[in-house]
């Protein structure tokens, strides 16, 4: 079973990691790169995805650390 996807989201002047569906953030970081690393570690442990957002909140990128089909479909 996979865990919650982890979102890297703007948080004031900082960046935060928030689990999908959670109201509270998991951690706060000074840079987006630091938040991405923290989210990646959680996603690897939970076999889930990291969804990286832009400063305006739109999704910029996604990385999966779960059970991806190999070879990829499509």
N, C-alpha and C. Protein backbone atom coordinates (compact mmCIF):
# COMPACT_ATOMS: atom_id res chain seq x y z
N UNK A 1 0.84 -1.19 0.00
CA UNK A 1 0.00 0.00 0.00
C UNK A 1 0.89 1.25 0.00
N UNK A 2 0.49 2.24 -0.74
CA UNK A 2 1.28 3.46 -0.82
C UNK A 2 0.77 4.50 0.18
N UNK A 3 1.65 5.43 0.53
CA UNK A 3 1.30 6.50 1.46
C UNK A 3 0.74 7.70 0.73
N UNK A 4 0.62 8.78 1.48
CA UNK A 4 0.09 10.02 0.92
C UNK A 4 1.11 10.69 0.01
N UNK A 5 0.63 11.25 -1.08
CA UNK A 5 1.50 12.06 -1.92
C UNK A 5 1.95 13.29 -1.14
N UNK A 6 3.17 13.74 -1.41
CA UNK A 6 3.74 14.87 -0.71
C UNK A 6 3.79 16.07 -1.65
N UNK A 7 3.26 17.19 -1.20
CA UNK A 7 3.22 18.41 -2.00
C UNK A 7 4.25 19.40 -1.47
N UNK A 8 5.03 20.00 -2.39
CA UNK A 8 5.94 21.09 -2.06
C UNK A 8 5.21 22.37 -2.45
N UNK A 9 4.86 23.17 -1.43
CA UNK A 9 3.98 24.33 -1.66
C UNK A 9 4.59 25.60 -1.07
N UNK A 10 4.25 26.76 -1.66
CA UNK A 10 4.71 28.02 -1.06
C UNK A 10 4.08 28.20 0.32
N UNK A 11 4.86 28.80 1.23
CA UNK A 11 4.40 28.99 2.61
C UNK A 11 4.95 30.34 3.08
N UNK A 12 4.23 31.42 2.76
CA UNK A 12 4.75 32.76 3.04
C UNK A 12 5.99 33.00 2.19
N UNK A 13 7.09 33.36 2.81
CA UNK A 13 8.36 33.55 2.09
C UNK A 13 9.16 32.26 2.00
N UNK A 14 8.65 31.19 2.58
CA UNK A 14 9.35 29.91 2.62
C UNK A 14 8.61 28.89 1.76
N UNK A 15 9.05 27.63 1.87
CA UNK A 15 8.42 26.51 1.18
C UNK A 15 8.09 25.44 2.20
N UNK A 16 7.01 24.73 1.98
CA UNK A 16 6.58 23.71 2.94
C UNK A 16 6.31 22.39 2.23
N UNK A 17 6.39 21.33 3.02
CA UNK A 17 5.98 19.99 2.58
C UNK A 17 4.66 19.70 3.28
N UNK A 18 3.66 19.29 2.49
CA UNK A 18 2.35 18.98 3.06
C UNK A 18 1.86 17.66 2.45
N UNK A 19 1.45 16.75 3.29
CA UNK A 19 0.87 15.50 2.82
C UNK A 19 -0.49 15.76 2.20
N UNK A 20 -0.83 15.03 1.15
CA UNK A 20 -2.11 15.21 0.47
C UNK A 20 -3.25 15.09 1.46
N UNK A 21 -4.14 16.08 1.45
CA UNK A 21 -5.30 16.08 2.31
C UNK A 21 -5.07 16.63 3.70
N UNK A 22 -3.82 16.91 4.06
CA UNK A 22 -3.51 17.44 5.38
C UNK A 22 -3.69 18.95 5.42
N UNK A 23 -4.21 19.47 6.52
CA UNK A 23 -4.30 20.92 6.70
C UNK A 23 -2.99 21.50 7.18
N UNK A 24 -2.31 20.77 8.07
CA UNK A 24 -1.04 21.24 8.61
C UNK A 24 0.11 20.78 7.74
N UNK A 25 1.16 21.61 7.69
CA UNK A 25 2.33 21.23 6.92
C UNK A 25 3.20 20.28 7.74
N UNK A 26 3.95 19.45 7.04
CA UNK A 26 4.86 18.51 7.68
C UNK A 26 6.14 19.20 8.11
N UNK A 27 6.68 20.08 7.22
CA UNK A 27 7.91 20.80 7.52
C UNK A 27 7.98 22.07 6.68
N UNK A 28 8.78 23.03 7.16
CA UNK A 28 8.96 24.32 6.48
C UNK A 28 10.44 24.50 6.18
N UNK A 29 10.74 25.02 4.97
CA UNK A 29 12.13 25.15 4.51
C UNK A 29 12.33 26.52 3.88
N UNK A 30 13.56 27.00 3.92
CA UNK A 30 13.86 28.31 3.35
C UNK A 30 13.87 28.31 1.83
N UNK A 31 14.21 27.16 1.21
CA UNK A 31 14.25 27.10 -0.24
C UNK A 31 13.36 25.97 -0.76
N UNK A 32 12.95 26.12 -2.01
CA UNK A 32 12.15 25.07 -2.63
C UNK A 32 12.96 23.79 -2.76
N UNK A 33 14.25 23.91 -3.06
CA UNK A 33 15.10 22.73 -3.20
C UNK A 33 15.18 21.93 -1.90
N UNK A 34 15.29 22.62 -0.77
CA UNK A 34 15.32 21.94 0.53
C UNK A 34 14.00 21.22 0.78
N UNK A 35 12.90 21.88 0.45
CA UNK A 35 11.59 21.26 0.63
C UNK A 35 11.43 20.05 -0.28
N UNK A 36 11.94 20.13 -1.51
CA UNK A 36 11.87 19.00 -2.44
C UNK A 36 12.62 17.80 -1.89
N UNK A 37 13.81 18.03 -1.33
CA UNK A 37 14.59 16.93 -0.77
C UNK A 37 13.85 16.26 0.39
N UNK A 38 13.26 17.07 1.27
CA UNK A 38 12.51 16.52 2.40
C UNK A 38 11.30 15.72 1.91
N UNK A 39 10.58 16.27 0.92
CA UNK A 39 9.41 15.58 0.38
C UNK A 39 9.81 14.28 -0.31
N UNK A 40 10.94 14.30 -1.01
CA UNK A 40 11.42 13.09 -1.69
C UNK A 40 11.72 11.98 -0.68
N UNK A 41 12.38 12.34 0.42
CA UNK A 41 12.69 11.33 1.45
C UNK A 41 11.42 10.69 1.99
N UNK A 42 10.40 11.50 2.25
CA UNK A 42 9.12 10.98 2.74
C UNK A 42 8.46 10.09 1.69
N UNK A 43 8.45 10.55 0.44
CA UNK A 43 7.81 9.81 -0.65
C UNK A 43 8.50 8.48 -0.90
N UNK A 44 9.82 8.44 -0.80
CA UNK A 44 10.54 7.17 -0.98
C UNK A 44 10.12 6.20 0.12
N UNK A 45 10.07 6.70 1.34
CA UNK A 45 9.68 5.87 2.48
C UNK A 45 8.25 5.37 2.35
N UNK A 46 7.35 6.21 1.86
CA UNK A 46 5.94 5.86 1.76
C UNK A 46 5.55 5.31 0.39
N UNK A 47 6.51 5.25 -0.54
CA UNK A 47 6.25 4.76 -1.91
C UNK A 47 5.11 5.56 -2.55
N UNK A 48 5.28 6.88 -2.58
CA UNK A 48 4.25 7.77 -3.12
C UNK A 48 4.88 8.77 -4.08
N UNK A 49 4.17 9.84 -4.38
CA UNK A 49 4.64 10.86 -5.33
C UNK A 49 4.96 12.16 -4.63
N UNK A 50 5.84 12.94 -5.27
CA UNK A 50 6.11 14.32 -4.86
C UNK A 50 5.52 15.21 -5.95
N UNK A 51 4.68 16.15 -5.55
CA UNK A 51 4.10 17.12 -6.47
C UNK A 51 4.68 18.48 -6.10
N UNK A 52 5.40 19.09 -7.04
CA UNK A 52 6.08 20.36 -6.79
C UNK A 52 5.27 21.48 -7.41
N UNK A 53 4.94 22.47 -6.61
CA UNK A 53 4.12 23.59 -7.05
C UNK A 53 4.99 24.82 -7.32
N UNK A 54 4.50 25.69 -8.18
CA UNK A 54 5.13 26.98 -8.45
C UNK A 54 4.72 27.96 -7.36
N UNK A 55 5.39 29.13 -7.29
CA UNK A 55 5.00 30.13 -6.29
C UNK A 55 3.52 30.54 -6.37
N UNK A 56 2.93 30.45 -7.57
CA UNK A 56 1.51 30.82 -7.71
C UNK A 56 0.58 29.65 -7.38
N UNK A 57 1.13 28.51 -6.99
CA UNK A 57 0.34 27.36 -6.59
C UNK A 57 0.10 26.32 -7.67
N UNK A 58 0.37 26.68 -8.94
CA UNK A 58 0.18 25.71 -10.03
C UNK A 58 1.24 24.61 -9.93
N UNK A 59 0.91 23.43 -10.42
CA UNK A 59 1.84 22.31 -10.40
C UNK A 59 2.94 22.52 -11.44
N UNK A 60 4.18 22.36 -11.00
CA UNK A 60 5.34 22.51 -11.87
C UNK A 60 5.88 21.16 -12.32
N UNK A 61 5.88 20.18 -11.41
CA UNK A 61 6.50 18.90 -11.72
C UNK A 61 5.97 17.83 -10.77
N UNK A 62 6.11 16.56 -11.19
CA UNK A 62 5.75 15.42 -10.36
C UNK A 62 6.84 14.38 -10.47
N UNK A 63 7.13 13.71 -9.36
CA UNK A 63 8.08 12.60 -9.35
C UNK A 63 7.46 11.46 -8.56
N UNK A 64 7.50 10.25 -9.12
CA UNK A 64 6.90 9.10 -8.48
C UNK A 64 7.97 8.22 -7.85
N UNK A 65 7.71 7.79 -6.63
CA UNK A 65 8.61 6.88 -5.92
C UNK A 65 7.85 5.64 -5.46
N UNK A 66 6.79 5.30 -6.20
CA UNK A 66 5.95 4.16 -5.84
C UNK A 66 6.15 3.01 -6.79
N UNK A 67 5.09 2.25 -7.00
CA UNK A 67 5.12 1.08 -7.85
C UNK A 67 4.82 1.47 -9.28
N UNK A 68 5.80 1.97 -9.98
CA UNK A 68 5.61 2.34 -11.38
C UNK A 68 5.65 1.08 -12.24
N UNK A 69 4.80 1.04 -13.28
CA UNK A 69 4.86 -0.10 -14.20
C UNK A 69 6.16 -0.04 -15.01
N UNK A 70 6.80 -1.17 -15.21
CA UNK A 70 8.01 -1.22 -16.04
C UNK A 70 7.82 -2.33 -17.03
N UNK A 71 7.97 -2.12 -18.31
CA UNK A 71 8.23 -0.80 -18.91
C UNK A 71 7.02 0.12 -18.78
N UNK A 72 7.26 1.43 -18.85
CA UNK A 72 6.16 2.38 -18.73
C UNK A 72 5.14 2.21 -19.85
N UNK A 73 3.88 2.44 -19.50
CA UNK A 73 2.82 2.35 -20.51
C UNK A 73 2.87 3.59 -21.40
N UNK A 74 2.52 3.42 -22.68
CA UNK A 74 2.44 4.55 -23.59
C UNK A 74 3.70 4.86 -24.17
